[in-house]
Structure formats: structure tokens, C-alpha cells
Amino acid sequence: MWRSIISCVLWLSLAPPGIAEESIFKAGFAKRDITPSTATPMWGYGDRHASLSEGVADPLMAKAVVLEVGDQRLAIVGMDIGRGPTAAMMKQIRQAVAEKAGVENVMIAGSHTHHGPVIELTDREGFGKGKFDDAVSYSQRLPQLLIEAIVEAKKNAVPAKIGVAKKNVAWNRNRHSKRAIKSTDPMLAVIRLDDYAGQPIAVIANFAAHPVTADEGMLKFSADFPGALQRRVEESMQTNCVFMQGASGDLSPNRGELTGIQYGEKLGDDVVAMASNVKAETPKNPSVQARVDHFKFVSRVDFKNPILVAAYQGAFFPEITKNYVEEFAEGIEPELTTALINGELALVGGSGEFFSGHAARLKERCDVRDTLFFGYCNGHHMYFPTIEAASEGGYGGDASVAPVEVGAGEEMMNQALINIYTMLGKFPPKETRQ
């Protein structure tokens, strides 16, 4: 509270004359511990089936940043779990944060750790209830924790400065393609948010690599390398760090002989160096714009076929399969969130495991100073391979785990690009697609 008061006083004394309250760029941070308190099925590896967790290796956190200019607000939330919230959770969260904090737009993404909890089970017989009541209870509690973090972050928002740094690093590799030239997205990006006294409010780190460095056989919750990255930044800079996963559908960590913790710490060192050197500045043209697009694509898998459904139940486990089949039976309905901050920073989030080529091409085609892509954002609709990756097949490219129709990812990236140029005033505004 005192920090917020001091920052506001500093703003009154330091802000350039003539800036109206409704034109101030603000940022706030809050977090919640989202580690399950009981044993639940673990998300990420099908071979585990319904095996329950056996403790905690390191805590799982949800960290929220709210950006605000006037009555326009965007919440950016990074979670140490495998995916974004379910559709039902998103509806609940959106309604609550709009009513309680005036936050109309959210980008809530999982880090994609393979040592987080299953969140898809629901309170119905055969869908989780009765057999996995603790997991159902956790899934009901998770949205409340995210709502609390977003509302608190809004309350903590103070006049802020922003700086963005990015560089290409050699910390990831394409795990899918057999082509001579493999698609990658080597960009590590850092957003630094400071108060007017120059103290960091939060650092947001964006990078694409599968968090699969922890031992698959370990049945303990862990944030994997993103957790080590965030801890390194927070200890080094005495601030808050949020990790936002990128388009890592076909990207693995390139860590050599490093352990997962060492790998995360090395990445964290890069983030610290970048965040320490970037200059956070008061935006010249403060603004927060965002929109959400919903799509419906044909599924390459017939989820009404009982033989195929039985195969999925064997690969995973019946209760989680039932929830996915119910969602995907009439088609795949992903979500795209596009935001433009201060006319210079574009943020694009997709509800699935997008292959790196999608993000790399989007960045090439987007004529703003900085473009970041968040995967596993506001939902999870399995893999989104590029057209050429789908033609190669293999895990992540074939229909079994990438049921969405071929070309869906490209269509969504095209829409994101149109959205950004519309927000920049290059195209006349259009109604949000339904």
C-alpha cells in the first residue's frame, strides 16, 4: 500500500505537465500459490494415466500483471501449470474480473510444465466426480485464485514506465522437423515495468521451449525450468518475475549437460542482464487495446467414433478423455487474443501448442517495434502445427494430437496481424468475429 502511495506522489511531482489522469500508463502486480494441497492426477505425460501426485518438488505460482490506461485494462497472467484455463473457467474469470476490477481483457497462460495438475476434470459422474474429487475441487478453486490475483494486481497498479528487450539465444531446438532447415523461434524477450521512482514492479520473460527437464517418473509437482528462471530473476533483481511460454509446440530445451534447474538459471541470467540494461520509459502515447477472436475449425479426428474414443481413453484415462471429447465433438474452437500496448508492443496469445513457425512469421510480418507470442493462452486446443509441419506428420503434426484442421494456425496468425494493423489505424475497425 505504501509503495502505491509513494509512487503516486512521485508521479504528481515528476510527471510531465499536462498529462491527464486518464492518459497515465499504470502497472500492478500480484501473485497466488496454486500448488494443489492434496494428491491429484498429473498433467503432461500420457503414460502416467491417472497416477496421483506424491508431493511437491517446488511450488506452483500464478503471477498477474495488470496494465492500465484510463478504463482500458489488460491482465497478463503466467501460471506454473500445463495449459491455460478451461472454457468454463475463462467465462467465470472474465465475468468476475470485469465486475470487480474493470479488467475487460485477460491473457492467462500456462507455462506448459509437465509436472502440474490436471485441471480438466469436472463435477459430474464419469467426468471426475466420485473418483477424483480432490482434482475436481482443485479445478473449482483455481479460477478463484486467478481472480484474486488479477483483482489485487489492479488495486496495486501505479503510474509506470516500460522497457522491452529481446535477443536471439541458442537455448532451444526444433524437436519435430526432419528438414535440413528447421523452424525455430530463438527470441528471448523481456518486458520491464518500473514505478516512477525507478523501482521494478515486475519483469515479464517470454521464451519458447517445452518444460520437460524434470524426470518424467517423478510424481511431484514442479514448475520445471520456468520456476528456476523466475526464482533467479527475483533473487537477483529483488522484484517479481512472470514467465510467459511462447510457441513451443515443436521446440525442446537445448541444455546439453545442464540439469533443468541449471538450464533455468542460465536463462534467468540472460533475463537479468537484459532487464538490467533496458531503459524503462514513460510511454509517449499511452494506450491499451485488445480484442478476442473465436474460431471454429473442422476436426481431423472423429470424436464421435467410439473406437477412437476408446483409444484415447487407453492412452490417457477415461475421465479426462470424456471432458476433451465433449469439448471437441462438434469441432475445435480455439481462441485468439491480440493486444497492442502504447502502439509499440504487440502481444498475441493462442489457446494451444503452436509450432514455432507461426510465431516467427508473425514477428516478421508485424510492423511494430516489438511482437511477442504467448502459447497455451486462455485455453488449450492441442497442437497447432504449421502446414508444412503437418505434412511431415509425427508427434505434434499428425491428427492424433493435432486434431485441428490443417491451416488453422495460419488463419489465426493472419487474423492477429489484421487486428494489430487495425489497432494501428491502418485498416478501418471491424466488428469482433464470433
Protein backbone atom coordinates (compact mmCIF):
# COMPACT_ATOMS: atom_id res chain seq x y z
CA MET A 1 0.00 0.00 0.00
CA TRP A 2 2.77 2.46 0.99
CA ARG A 3 4.62 1.72 -2.24
CA SER A 4 1.50 2.62 -4.23
CA ILE A 5 1.03 5.87 -2.28
CA ILE A 6 4.68 6.87 -2.68
CA SER A 7 4.63 6.10 -6.40
CA CYS A 8 1.51 8.21 -6.90
CA VAL A 9 3.11 11.12 -5.01
CA LEU A 10 6.23 10.79 -7.13
CA TRP A 11 4.08 10.80 -10.26
CA LEU A 12 2.47 14.08 -9.21
CA SER A 13 5.89 15.64 -8.82
CA LEU A 14 7.70 14.00 -11.76
CA ALA A 15 5.08 13.56 -14.49
CA PRO A 16 5.30 15.94 -17.43
CA PRO A 17 2.79 18.81 -17.16
CA GLY A 18 -0.50 18.45 -18.98
CA ILE A 19 -0.86 14.67 -18.70
CA ALA A 20 -4.42 13.84 -17.69
CA GLU A 21 -5.21 11.06 -15.25
CA GLU A 22 -6.98 9.06 -17.96
CA SER A 23 -3.78 9.05 -20.06
CA ILE A 24 -1.45 7.63 -17.43
CA PHE A 25 0.12 4.25 -18.14
CA LYS A 26 -0.10 2.12 -15.00
CA ALA A 27 1.02 -1.35 -13.97
CA GLY A 28 0.35 -3.54 -10.96
CA PHE A 29 1.41 -6.99 -9.80
CA ALA A 30 0.03 -9.74 -7.56
CA LYS A 31 0.51 -13.49 -7.16
CA ARG A 32 -1.07 -16.58 -5.67
CA ASP A 33 0.27 -20.01 -4.74
CA ILE A 34 -1.69 -22.51 -6.87
CA THR A 35 0.03 -25.70 -5.71
CA PRO A 36 -2.56 -28.43 -5.02
CA SER A 37 -2.74 -29.30 -1.33
CA THR A 38 -3.80 -32.90 -1.99
CA ALA A 39 -2.84 -35.70 -4.39
CA THR A 40 -4.30 -35.28 -7.88
CA PRO A 41 -3.59 -36.70 -11.36
CA MET A 42 -0.66 -35.01 -13.06
CA TRP A 43 -0.80 -33.31 -16.45
CA GLY A 44 1.66 -33.75 -19.29
CA TYR A 45 2.61 -37.37 -19.88
CA GLY A 46 0.02 -39.86 -21.14
CA ASP A 47 2.00 -42.80 -19.76
CA ARG A 48 1.17 -41.67 -16.24
CA HIS A 49 -2.53 -42.21 -16.94
CA ALA A 50 -4.39 -41.37 -13.71
CA SER A 51 -1.44 -41.77 -11.32
CA LEU A 52 -1.71 -39.37 -8.40
CA SER A 53 0.94 -36.87 -7.36
CA GLU A 54 3.22 -37.76 -4.48
CA GLY A 55 4.25 -34.40 -3.10
CA VAL A 56 5.80 -31.13 -4.20
CA ALA A 57 9.29 -30.55 -5.59
CA ASP A 58 8.78 -26.79 -5.83
CA PRO A 59 5.68 -24.59 -5.55
CA LEU A 60 3.43 -23.68 -8.45
CA MET A 61 2.55 -20.00 -8.73
CA ALA A 62 0.17 -17.76 -10.68
CA LYS A 63 1.54 -14.25 -11.24
CA ALA A 64 -0.56 -11.43 -12.62
CA VAL A 65 0.35 -8.08 -14.15
CA VAL A 66 -2.40 -5.59 -14.95
CA LEU A 67 -1.65 -2.85 -17.48
CA GLU A 68 -3.96 0.15 -17.47
CA VAL A 69 -4.58 3.39 -19.34
CA GLY A 70 -7.79 5.09 -18.28
CA ASP A 71 -10.54 2.50 -18.30
CA GLN A 72 -8.68 0.18 -20.69
CA ARG A 73 -7.02 -2.71 -18.86
CA LEU A 74 -5.25 -5.94 -19.74
CA ALA A 75 -4.28 -8.70 -17.31
CA ILE A 76 -1.26 -10.84 -18.20
CA VAL A 77 -1.10 -13.96 -16.05
CA GLY A 78 1.59 -16.64 -16.09
CA MET A 79 0.82 -19.94 -14.36
CA ASP A 80 3.12 -22.82 -13.44
CA ILE A 81 0.74 -25.42 -14.89
CA GLY A 82 0.47 -27.23 -18.19
CA ARG A 83 -2.19 -25.25 -20.03
CA GLY A 84 -4.49 -22.25 -19.99
CA PRO A 85 -7.80 -22.33 -18.08
CA THR A 86 -10.72 -24.32 -19.49
CA ALA A 87 -13.52 -22.56 -21.37
CA ALA A 88 -15.79 -22.70 -18.31
CA MET A 89 -13.02 -21.24 -16.14
CA MET A 90 -12.36 -18.45 -18.65
CA LYS A 91 -16.03 -17.44 -18.64
CA GLN A 92 -16.05 -17.31 -14.84
CA ILE A 93 -12.77 -15.38 -14.64
CA ARG A 94 -13.71 -12.83 -17.28
CA GLN A 95 -17.05 -12.06 -15.69
CA ALA A 96 -15.56 -11.70 -12.20
CA VAL A 97 -12.56 -9.51 -13.06
CA ALA A 98 -14.71 -7.25 -15.24
CA GLU A 99 -17.16 -6.72 -12.38
CA LYS A 100 -14.63 -6.47 -9.56
CA ALA A 101 -11.75 -4.66 -11.23
CA GLY A 102 -12.93 -3.32 -14.59
CA VAL A 103 -10.47 -5.64 -16.36
CA GLU A 104 -12.08 -6.46 -19.70
CA ASN A 105 -9.22 -8.38 -21.31
CA VAL A 106 -7.04 -11.18 -19.99
CA MET A 107 -4.17 -13.31 -21.28
CA ILE A 108 -3.84 -16.26 -18.91
CA ALA A 109 -1.22 -18.77 -19.98
CA GLY A 110 0.24 -21.97 -18.60
CA SER A 111 4.00 -22.44 -18.69
CA HIS A 112 3.33 -25.96 -20.01
CA THR A 113 5.20 -27.68 -17.22
CA HIS A 114 4.61 -31.43 -17.42
CA HIS A 115 4.63 -31.65 -13.63
CA GLY A 116 1.47 -29.69 -12.93
CA PRO A 117 -2.05 -30.85 -12.04
CA VAL A 118 -4.84 -31.97 -14.35
CA ILE A 119 -7.44 -29.16 -14.40
CA GLU A 120 -9.97 -30.57 -16.89
CA LEU A 121 -11.93 -32.86 -14.55
CA THR A 122 -15.46 -31.68 -13.75
CA ASP A 123 -18.11 -32.24 -11.11
CA ARG A 124 -20.09 -34.94 -12.95
CA GLU A 125 -20.17 -38.70 -12.63
CA GLY A 126 -17.75 -40.23 -15.13
CA PHE A 127 -16.07 -36.86 -15.74
CA GLY A 128 -14.18 -36.71 -12.44
CA LYS A 129 -16.74 -36.66 -9.64
CA GLY A 130 -16.62 -39.60 -7.25
CA LYS A 131 -13.21 -40.87 -8.36
CA PHE A 132 -11.11 -37.72 -8.44
CA ASP A 133 -12.95 -35.39 -6.08
CA ASP A 134 -9.76 -33.66 -4.95
CA ALA A 135 -8.88 -32.82 -8.55
CA VAL A 136 -12.42 -31.55 -9.18
CA SER A 137 -12.16 -29.42 -6.04
CA TYR A 138 -8.83 -28.00 -7.21
CA SER A 139 -10.29 -27.13 -10.61
CA GLN A 140 -13.09 -25.27 -8.87
CA ARG A 141 -10.66 -23.36 -6.64
CA LEU A 142 -8.15 -22.39 -9.35
CA PRO A 143 -10.34 -19.74 -11.05
CA GLN A 144 -10.92 -18.05 -7.70
CA LEU A 145 -7.17 -17.79 -7.08
CA LEU A 146 -6.64 -16.29 -10.54
CA ILE A 147 -9.46 -13.82 -9.99
CA GLU A 148 -7.94 -12.79 -6.65
CA ALA A 149 -4.53 -12.22 -8.25
CA ILE A 150 -5.94 -10.11 -11.09
CA VAL A 151 -8.13 -8.00 -8.81
CA GLU A 152 -5.23 -7.39 -6.43
CA ALA A 153 -2.90 -6.51 -9.31
CA LYS A 154 -5.42 -3.91 -10.47
CA LYS A 155 -5.55 -2.44 -6.95
CA ASN A 156 -1.75 -2.32 -6.90
CA ALA A 157 -1.48 -0.50 -10.24
CA VAL A 158 0.64 2.66 -10.10
CA PRO A 159 1.98 5.07 -12.75
CA ALA A 160 4.63 3.11 -14.58
CA LYS A 161 7.39 3.11 -17.14
CA ILE A 162 8.04 0.27 -19.58
CA GLY A 163 11.03 -1.10 -21.44
CA VAL A 164 11.33 -4.07 -23.79
CA ALA A 165 14.48 -6.00 -24.64
CA LYS A 166 14.94 -9.00 -26.90
CA LYS A 167 17.73 -11.09 -28.32
CA ASN A 168 18.17 -14.43 -30.05
CA VAL A 169 19.65 -17.18 -27.90
CA ALA A 170 20.66 -20.80 -28.53
CA TRP A 171 18.63 -22.29 -25.68
CA ASN A 172 16.01 -24.15 -27.75
CA ARG A 173 15.90 -26.57 -30.69
CA ASN A 174 13.31 -28.00 -33.07
CA ARG A 175 12.35 -31.47 -31.85
CA HIS A 176 9.95 -32.31 -34.68
CA SER A 177 11.15 -31.49 -38.18
CA LYS A 178 13.36 -33.75 -40.28
CA ARG A 179 14.04 -30.99 -42.79
CA ALA A 180 17.54 -29.70 -43.40
CA ILE A 181 16.49 -26.20 -42.31
CA LYS A 182 14.31 -26.49 -39.23
CA SER A 183 11.93 -23.83 -37.98
CA THR A 184 12.82 -22.19 -34.68
CA ASP A 185 11.97 -19.11 -32.67
CA PRO A 186 15.14 -18.27 -30.73
CA MET A 187 13.88 -14.94 -29.39
CA LEU A 188 14.10 -14.33 -25.65
CA ALA A 189 12.07 -11.24 -24.78
CA VAL A 190 11.88 -9.24 -21.57
CA ILE A 191 9.36 -6.60 -20.52
CA ARG A 192 10.48 -4.44 -17.61
CA LEU A 193 7.87 -2.42 -15.73
CA ASP A 194 9.09 0.23 -13.28
CA ASP A 195 7.34 2.68 -11.00
CA TYR A 196 8.21 6.38 -11.30
CA ALA A 197 10.91 6.00 -8.66
CA GLY A 198 12.71 3.59 -11.00
CA GLN A 199 11.99 0.52 -8.89
CA PRO A 200 10.90 -2.55 -10.91
CA ILE A 201 7.28 -3.60 -10.45
CA ALA A 202 7.74 -6.79 -12.44
CA VAL A 203 9.77 -8.40 -15.20
CA ILE A 204 7.93 -10.50 -17.80
CA ALA A 205 10.06 -13.10 -19.60
CA ASN A 206 8.87 -14.71 -22.85
CA PHE A 207 10.63 -17.73 -24.37
CA ALA A 208 9.64 -20.90 -26.23
CA ALA A 209 10.79 -24.33 -25.03
CA HIS A 210 8.96 -27.35 -23.63
CA PRO A 211 9.35 -27.53 -19.82
CA VAL A 212 10.25 -31.23 -19.77
CA THR A 213 13.56 -31.13 -17.93
CA ALA A 214 12.25 -32.76 -14.71
CA ASP A 215 12.31 -36.56 -14.54
CA GLU A 216 9.17 -37.98 -16.15
CA GLY A 217 8.97 -40.64 -13.44
CA MET A 218 8.91 -38.09 -10.63
CA LEU A 219 5.32 -37.72 -9.39
CA LYS A 220 5.88 -34.41 -7.66
CA PHE A 221 4.60 -31.02 -8.67
CA SER A 222 7.24 -28.76 -10.19
CA ALA A 223 7.39 -25.57 -12.21
CA ASP A 224 10.34 -27.11 -14.11
CA PHE A 225 12.86 -24.73 -15.70
CA PRO A 226 10.48 -21.70 -15.78
CA GLY A 227 10.35 -21.90 -12.00
CA ALA A 228 14.15 -21.82 -11.75
CA LEU A 229 14.25 -18.93 -14.24
CA GLN A 230 11.76 -16.89 -12.25
CA ARG A 231 13.47 -17.54 -8.92
CA ARG A 232 16.83 -16.49 -10.39
CA VAL A 233 15.42 -13.19 -11.64
CA GLU A 234 13.54 -12.47 -8.44
CA GLU A 235 16.55 -13.16 -6.22
CA SER A 236 18.93 -11.18 -8.43
CA MET A 237 16.72 -8.13 -9.01
CA GLN A 238 14.59 -8.19 -5.85
CA THR A 239 11.42 -7.92 -7.90
CA ASN A 240 8.69 -10.11 -9.38
CA CYS A 241 9.15 -12.28 -12.48
CA VAL A 242 6.39 -13.67 -14.69
CA PHE A 243 7.17 -16.37 -17.26
CA MET A 244 5.05 -16.49 -20.42
CA GLN A 245 5.61 -19.53 -22.64
CA GLY A 246 5.97 -18.97 -26.39
CA ALA A 247 5.16 -21.10 -29.45
CA SER A 248 6.91 -24.19 -28.12
CA GLY A 249 4.86 -26.90 -29.84
CA ASP A 250 7.92 -28.15 -31.73
CA LEU A 251 10.67 -26.75 -29.51
CA SER A 252 12.63 -28.52 -26.78
CA PRO A 253 15.23 -27.08 -24.40
CA ASN A 254 18.74 -27.06 -25.80
CA ARG A 255 20.51 -27.64 -22.49
CA GLY A 256 23.36 -30.05 -23.22
CA GLU A 257 24.63 -31.48 -19.93
CA LEU A 258 22.85 -28.90 -17.76
CA THR A 259 20.23 -30.03 -15.29
CA GLY A 260 16.79 -28.49 -15.61
CA ILE A 261 17.49 -26.14 -12.70
CA GLN A 262 20.83 -25.09 -14.17
CA TYR A 263 19.20 -24.51 -17.55
CA GLY A 264 16.51 -22.33 -15.99
CA GLU A 265 19.10 -20.39 -14.04
CA LYS A 266 21.18 -19.76 -17.17
CA LEU A 267 18.10 -18.44 -18.94
CA GLY A 268 17.36 -16.39 -15.84
CA ASP A 269 20.84 -14.88 -16.00
CA ASP A 270 20.12 -13.75 -19.56
CA VAL A 271 16.82 -12.23 -18.43
CA VAL A 272 18.55 -10.39 -15.56
CA ALA A 273 21.21 -8.97 -17.90
CA MET A 274 18.60 -7.84 -20.42
CA ALA A 275 16.24 -6.39 -17.82
CA SER A 276 19.08 -4.62 -16.02
CA ASN A 277 20.30 -2.92 -19.20
CA VAL A 278 17.00 -1.92 -20.77
CA LYS A 279 15.74 1.58 -20.02
CA ALA A 280 12.15 1.77 -18.86
CA GLU A 281 10.49 4.95 -20.10
CA THR A 282 7.20 6.74 -19.79
CA PRO A 283 5.18 5.88 -22.94
CA LYS A 284 4.79 8.76 -25.38
CA ASN A 285 1.35 7.60 -26.46
CA PRO A 286 -0.13 5.53 -23.61
CA SER A 287 -2.80 3.07 -24.70
CA VAL A 288 -4.04 -0.45 -24.05
CA GLN A 289 -6.02 -2.06 -26.86
CA ALA A 290 -7.16 -5.67 -27.05
CA ARG A 291 -9.65 -7.95 -28.74
CA VAL A 292 -10.62 -11.61 -28.69
CA ASP A 293 -11.45 -13.74 -31.72
CA HIS A 294 -13.19 -17.11 -31.58
CA PHE A 295 -12.81 -19.70 -34.32
CA LYS A 296 -14.45 -22.99 -35.17
CA PHE A 297 -12.45 -25.46 -37.21
CA VAL A 298 -13.25 -28.93 -38.52
CA SER A 299 -11.64 -31.71 -36.51
CA ARG A 300 -9.38 -34.19 -38.28
CA VAL A 301 -10.44 -36.75 -35.65
CA ASP A 302 -14.00 -38.06 -35.37
CA PHE A 303 -14.55 -37.69 -31.64
CA LYS A 304 -17.97 -39.33 -32.01
CA ASN A 305 -16.34 -42.60 -33.06
CA PRO A 306 -16.41 -44.92 -30.01
CA ILE A 307 -13.38 -46.90 -31.21
CA LEU A 308 -11.24 -43.77 -31.44
CA VAL A 309 -12.53 -42.52 -28.10
CA ALA A 310 -11.61 -45.84 -26.51
CA ALA A 311 -8.08 -45.47 -27.91
CA TYR A 312 -7.74 -42.04 -26.30
CA GLN A 313 -9.05 -43.41 -23.02
CA GLY A 314 -6.34 -46.04 -23.11
CA ALA A 315 -3.65 -43.51 -23.94
CA PHE A 316 -4.69 -41.13 -21.16
CA PHE A 317 -7.53 -42.05 -18.81
CA PRO A 318 -11.32 -42.18 -19.23
CA GLU A 319 -12.35 -39.16 -17.15
CA ILE A 320 -10.01 -36.65 -18.77
CA THR A 321 -10.81 -38.10 -22.21
CA LYS A 322 -14.54 -37.63 -21.66
CA ASN A 323 -14.05 -33.94 -20.91
CA TYR A 324 -11.93 -33.39 -24.03
CA VAL A 325 -14.26 -35.42 -26.27
CA GLU A 326 -17.24 -33.41 -25.10
CA GLU A 327 -15.43 -30.17 -25.93
CA PHE A 328 -14.09 -31.28 -29.33
CA ALA A 329 -17.00 -33.41 -30.62
CA GLU A 330 -18.54 -30.65 -32.75
CA GLY A 331 -15.24 -29.13 -33.90
CA ILE A 332 -12.19 -27.37 -32.50
CA GLU A 333 -12.95 -23.88 -31.15
CA PRO A 334 -9.73 -22.06 -30.25
CA GLU A 335 -9.38 -18.53 -29.05
CA LEU A 336 -7.04 -15.77 -30.18
CA THR A 337 -6.22 -12.72 -28.07
CA THR A 338 -4.47 -9.74 -29.62
CA ALA A 339 -3.26 -6.74 -27.63
CA LEU A 340 -1.37 -3.59 -28.55
CA ILE A 341 0.35 -1.65 -25.76
CA ASN A 342 1.28 2.01 -26.32
CA GLY A 343 1.20 1.44 -30.08
CA GLU A 344 4.61 -0.27 -29.87
CA LEU A 345 4.26 -3.66 -28.17
CA ALA A 346 2.04 -6.32 -29.75
CA LEU A 347 1.02 -9.35 -27.69
CA VAL A 348 -0.65 -12.34 -29.33
CA GLY A 349 -1.97 -15.34 -27.42
CA GLY A 350 -3.27 -18.62 -28.83
CA SER A 351 -5.11 -21.36 -26.93
CA GLY A 352 -2.89 -24.29 -27.81
CA GLU A 353 0.56 -25.65 -28.61
CA PHE A 354 1.52 -23.53 -31.59
CA PHE A 355 4.56 -24.54 -33.60
CA SER A 356 7.42 -22.06 -33.67
CA GLY A 357 6.96 -21.16 -37.33
CA HIS A 358 3.68 -19.45 -36.52
CA ALA A 359 5.30 -17.06 -34.04
CA ALA A 360 8.44 -16.48 -36.12
CA ARG A 361 6.44 -15.49 -39.21
CA LEU A 362 4.07 -13.32 -37.22
CA LYS A 363 7.02 -11.37 -35.84
CA GLU A 364 8.50 -10.96 -39.31
CA ARG A 365 5.23 -9.64 -40.72
CA CYS A 366 4.26 -7.36 -37.84
CA ASP A 367 5.44 -3.78 -38.29
CA VAL A 368 5.60 -2.71 -34.67
CA ARG A 369 8.69 -2.28 -32.56
CA ASP A 370 8.16 -5.48 -30.54
CA THR A 371 5.90 -8.52 -31.05
CA LEU A 372 5.57 -11.35 -28.51
CA PHE A 373 3.61 -14.59 -28.78
CA PHE A 374 2.10 -16.43 -25.80
CA GLY A 375 1.15 -20.09 -26.20
CA TYR A 376 -1.25 -22.10 -24.01
CA CYS A 377 -3.17 -18.85 -23.54
CA ASN A 378 -6.83 -18.69 -22.46
CA GLY A 379 -7.46 -22.38 -23.12
CA HIS A 380 -5.89 -25.44 -24.70
CA HIS A 381 -6.84 -26.97 -28.05
CA MET A 382 -3.88 -29.29 -28.52
CA TYR A 383 -1.17 -28.80 -31.18
CA PHE A 384 -1.27 -26.25 -34.00
CA PRO A 385 1.41 -27.36 -36.47
CA THR A 386 2.27 -25.23 -39.47
CA ILE A 387 1.05 -26.57 -42.82
CA GLU A 388 4.48 -27.91 -43.70
CA ALA A 389 4.89 -29.48 -40.25
CA ALA A 390 1.52 -31.19 -40.61
CA SER A 391 2.71 -32.58 -43.95
CA GLU A 392 5.66 -34.19 -42.14
CA GLY A 393 3.38 -35.92 -39.64
CA GLY A 394 4.94 -37.25 -36.49
CA TYR A 395 4.07 -36.37 -32.92
CA GLY A 396 2.59 -32.90 -32.81
CA GLY A 397 2.00 -32.86 -36.55
CA ASP A 398 -0.42 -35.74 -37.02
CA ALA A 399 -4.14 -35.69 -36.25
CA SER A 400 -3.96 -37.74 -33.05
CA VAL A 401 -2.66 -34.81 -31.01
CA ALA A 402 -3.28 -32.06 -33.57
CA PRO A 403 -6.94 -32.62 -34.43
CA VAL A 404 -7.49 -29.07 -35.69
CA GLU A 405 -7.79 -28.77 -39.47
CA VAL A 406 -4.62 -28.08 -41.45
CA GLY A 407 -4.06 -24.35 -41.90
CA ALA A 408 -5.89 -23.31 -38.74
CA GLY A 409 -2.82 -21.78 -37.15
CA GLU A 410 -2.03 -19.76 -40.25
CA GLU A 411 -5.60 -18.40 -40.32
CA MET A 412 -5.34 -17.36 -36.70
CA MET A 413 -1.98 -15.63 -37.21
CA ASN A 414 -3.40 -13.78 -40.22
CA GLN A 415 -6.24 -12.55 -38.03
CA ALA A 416 -3.80 -11.43 -35.35
CA LEU A 417 -1.88 -9.44 -37.95
CA ILE A 418 -5.08 -7.81 -39.22
CA ASN A 419 -6.03 -6.98 -35.64
CA ILE A 420 -2.69 -5.30 -34.95
CA TYR A 421 -2.79 -3.20 -38.12
CA THR A 422 -6.39 -2.26 -37.37
CA MET A 423 -5.38 -1.12 -33.88
CA LEU A 424 -2.60 0.92 -35.51
CA GLY A 425 -5.20 2.65 -37.69
CA LYS A 426 -4.06 1.06 -40.93
CA PHE A 427 -7.44 -0.62 -41.58
CA PRO A 428 -10.95 0.54 -40.66
CA PRO A 429 -12.27 -1.09 -37.49
CA LYS A 430 -14.31 -4.27 -37.90
CA GLU A 431 -16.69 -6.00 -35.57
CA THR A 432 -15.17 -8.70 -33.41
CA ARG A 433 -15.77 -12.04 -35.07
CA GLN A 434 -17.92 -14.52 -33.18
